[in-house]
Protein backbone atom coordinates (compact mmCIF):
# COMPACT_ATOMS: atom_id res chain seq x y z
CA UNK A 1 -6.12 -4.37 -8.19
CA UNK A 2 -4.44 -1.09 -7.45
CA UNK A 3 -2.76 -2.24 -4.24
CA UNK A 4 0.67 -1.76 -5.80
CA UNK A 5 -0.20 1.82 -6.72
CA UNK A 6 -1.43 2.46 -3.18
CA UNK A 7 1.85 1.14 -1.76
CA UNK A 8 3.91 3.23 -4.16
CA UNK A 9 2.07 6.40 -3.19
CA UNK A 10 2.00 5.96 0.56
CA UNK A 11 2.80 9.31 2.14
CA UNK A 12 2.17 11.25 -1.07
CA UNK A 13 0.27 14.52 -0.86
CA UNK A 14 -2.71 15.44 -2.97
CA UNK A 15 -0.39 17.53 -5.14
CA UNK A 16 1.92 14.53 -5.59
CA UNK A 17 -1.02 12.36 -6.68
CA UNK A 18 -2.11 15.09 -9.12
CA UNK A 19 1.41 15.08 -10.59
CA UNK A 20 1.22 11.31 -11.01
CA UNK A 21 -2.08 11.69 -12.84
CA UNK A 22 -0.61 14.36 -15.13
CA UNK A 23 2.35 12.14 -15.93
CA UNK A 24 0.03 9.19 -16.65
CA UNK A 25 -2.04 11.42 -18.96
CA UNK A 26 1.11 12.39 -20.85
CA UNK A 27 2.03 8.72 -21.21
CA UNK A 28 -1.43 7.96 -22.58
CA UNK A 29 -1.27 10.88 -25.01
CA UNK A 30 2.09 9.68 -26.32
CA UNK A 31 0.70 6.17 -26.74
CA UNK A 32 -2.50 7.30 -28.44
CA UNK A 33 -0.69 9.89 -30.59
CA UNK A 34 2.67 8.39 -31.59
CA UNK A 35 3.69 11.49 -33.58
CA UNK A 36 2.69 14.00 -30.90
CA UNK A 37 6.26 15.10 -30.14
CA UNK A 38 6.95 15.72 -33.80
CA UNK A 39 3.70 17.69 -34.14
CA UNK A 40 4.29 19.77 -31.01
CA UNK A 41 7.82 20.62 -32.10
CA UNK A 42 6.34 22.32 -35.17
CA UNK A 43 4.01 24.53 -33.11
CA UNK A 44 5.21 28.11 -33.16
CA UNK A 45 2.37 29.73 -31.24
CA UNK A 46 0.35 28.32 -28.34
CA UNK A 47 -2.89 29.22 -30.12
CA UNK A 48 -2.00 26.53 -32.67
CA UNK A 49 -2.49 23.88 -29.99
CA UNK A 50 -6.24 24.47 -30.10
CA UNK A 51 -6.31 23.47 -33.76
CA UNK A 52 -4.73 20.07 -33.18
CA UNK A 53 -6.98 17.06 -32.69
CA UNK A 54 -5.63 14.67 -30.09
CA UNK A 55 -6.67 11.08 -29.67
CA UNK A 56 -7.37 9.90 -26.15
CA UNK A 57 -7.60 6.45 -24.63
CA UNK A 58 -8.15 5.01 -21.19
CA UNK A 59 -5.13 5.34 -18.94
CA UNK A 60 -3.73 1.93 -18.20
CA UNK A 61 -2.70 0.59 -14.84
CA UNK A 62 0.82 0.26 -16.22
CA UNK A 63 0.90 3.96 -17.13
CA UNK A 64 -0.20 4.87 -13.62
CA UNK A 65 2.41 2.59 -12.07
CA UNK A 66 5.16 3.99 -14.29
CA UNK A 67 4.10 7.53 -13.45
CA UNK A 68 4.05 6.72 -9.72
CA UNK A 69 7.59 5.36 -9.96
CA UNK A 70 8.75 8.48 -11.79
CA UNK A 71 7.07 11.13 -9.63
CA UNK A 72 8.66 11.47 -6.22
CA UNK A 73 6.81 12.89 -3.20
CA UNK A 74 7.55 16.51 -2.35
CA UNK A 75 7.73 15.64 1.34
CA UNK A 76 9.91 12.82 2.61
CA UNK A 77 8.97 10.44 5.39
CA UNK A 78 11.63 12.12 7.52
CA UNK A 79 10.01 15.52 6.90
CA UNK A 80 6.65 14.19 8.05
CA UNK A 81 8.19 12.71 11.20
CA UNK A 82 10.05 15.96 11.91
CA UNK A 83 6.92 18.09 11.57
CA UNK A 84 4.85 15.61 13.57
CA UNK A 85 7.28 15.88 16.48
CA UNK A 86 7.44 19.65 16.15
CA UNK A 87 3.68 20.12 16.32
CA UNK A 88 3.04 17.52 19.02
CA UNK A 89 5.06 19.13 21.62
């Protein structure tokens, strides 16, 4: 189940979750394309990126969990409490 992921992302914003997804995608791309860093380092112009064929694979639960541990929320729990108090009264 994804209960662990839900616990790790409690209080995260939509933007934070999007960043986790992007990080998980990068992890998958590195796994599916072991030489991707070497290839990208040779790219001199962004238009060259369109010519590269990338392999894709399903994102694993482990990749999502690792990404969630790496990406920190933009807003802390203390920030949320502070703003909640501010707007309540």
